[in-house]
Amino acid sequence: MLSKLPVSFAKLINLRHLYMSGTRRLTKTPLGICGLTSLQTLTNVFIQRANSFKVSDLRGLVNLEGHLSIKGLEKVTDPQQAMDANLEGKGLVSLAMKWSDKFDDSRNLQTEYEVIEGLRPHNKLNKLKILNYGGMKFPSWFANPSFDKLTELTIKGCINCAHFHGIAFPLLEYLEVSDMEGLEKWSNCDGHKTTGSFPRLREIRIENCPKLAEVSIGLIPSLEVLVLRNCSDVILRAIVVVSSLIQNLVIRDIENLTELDVEVSKHLGAVEILEIENCDELKEVNVGSSNTKSVLRDVYLYRCRSLESYNCHNNVEKLEISSCYSMTSLTLSLLSSLIVVKITSCDNLKSIPDELPSSLEVLEILICKSLKSFPHEHLQSLTSLKEMEIWNCPSIDDTFPSGLWPPNLRKLKIGVLKKPMSEWGLQNYPTSLVRLELDGSDSGVDSFAMEGDEMNTAASTSFLLPPSLTYLFISNFMDVESISEELLQHLTHLQSLVIYNCPSIRDVPRSTSSLTVYDHR
């Protein structure tokens, strides 16, 4: 990776474009850059103290356009240098202002405010990013509506700003405010008057703003994506009630959120994708559950430790629930549109609904230690099911597996169930099954055999492999000592064999040149 440029570029007087994006190790701007008056593209500059590059050296680069990132702004001690840079006279459409993320006694908050005031860009700017600015307030030009081409604004790590006030970028489409530990209030309202509106704002991301407790803004009629992480539930409610078209809602680590109640849910009728993660106090999720016109399509519930139940709306196509340790009840409608269901590490979930919707294509149930009831007797009716994983569910009814499988199943991962694998016997796998992953932990299996081998079928310690396989993954079979040449010859379609943590297996024969063996014993 490039870490150093030539010391001087002074002789490259005709240079017009200098791209340095993605060169993270570069920390110095070559000497002579300030004299290259033909430069139109200069993606990065690094402010240094003493005799190195100063921000005022940008003054003579009157033809600059495109993107510019200015790093090391904490080293600017004279605000006049920021004004001398004359960014307002340059045709930049994308600008990043970056200070150090180390806040110590060397940082002068008033100086940093004056610097950012002096770095006012041209009003044709489209994208602005401000990182680790140390001032206590944002520049006055934030409130200037002449920035009518700015569509993206990112403010990150500005820990001393307590008030986000009077932003007047009328065509803003993307707003990110993150790592603002001191931010307490976001207001675009002065009394009863809204000082700025966001008619085109499509995406808001507010992350790691734990003190933000007041949001007073006008309507956000075009908001489609809302991402909130590590902030108060007050912020969720404040933004939701001024928006009506949110399609993608992501909430993570939200304090004091016990439920998405009716008052919140009635503003979420347009939500198609809902993701909730690490909301430990959440007990109830109502989005889409009582709205017959719901368009909710994808639901992701991760690490919500107090969530006890979920009633899946008919329109949901993808449902993933993981590490919701208190969940005891899951409701799925037979009339639903579910295509994917993934349930992982739900320790108190004791049963899956007695019947599953016929629309299912993917079913995964993993590490559910208390799960007892599984509707295996209806598996043959799941004609759309292509992939199934049932793994590490040691309490599941020992009548499963009983030999009944979805007729068009292509991929199966299975193991660590109540019924030992050595007792499964003939399973009548569908001929569509081409990928099989087996976990042999506590299985009692000491060998593999082919279906149709009557001698091995009678042996309770053998596991019968279907001949249709193209991929076979076996792991944790401690007692299996060999994979026979004869067995591999019968698996005529097998292309890949993966062996993992099977320490007793001796050398594996490579029966054909078309078989690839990955041996991790």
Foldseek 3Di string as FASTA:
>chain_A
DDQDDPQAPQVVLQDAEDDDPPRVNHQFDHPNPLNNLNHAYDAEHHDDPDPGDHLLSLQSNQNYEEHYEYEAPQRDPDLVSLLSNPQQNYHYQEYEYYHDLDDDPSGDQVSLQSNQQSNDHHLNHAEYEYEQRAHQAHHPCQQPQSNARHAYYHYENRQNHQEAERGAHAAHAEYEYENHQNHAEYEQADVPRRSHAHARHAEYAYENHANHQYYHHAAHARHAYYHYYNYEVNVLLVNLVRYQQHAAYHYENYPPAAECDPSSQVSCQNHQHYAYEHQQNHAYYCNQVPDLSHNHAEYHAYQNQNHAEDEDHQAYAEYEHENNQNHAYYHDDLNHQHAYYAYYNNANHAEDPLDDHLNYAEEEYYQHANHAYDNQVCQCSNQNHAEYEDEQHANYHQCPPVLDHHQQYAEYEYENYVHAQLQNAHRPHHLNHAYYEYERAVRQAAEEAAPVPVVVSPGSNYHYDYLNYQEYEYENQARHQEDDLVNVVSNVNHQEYEYAHHVRHDDYDDNDPRHHYHYHD
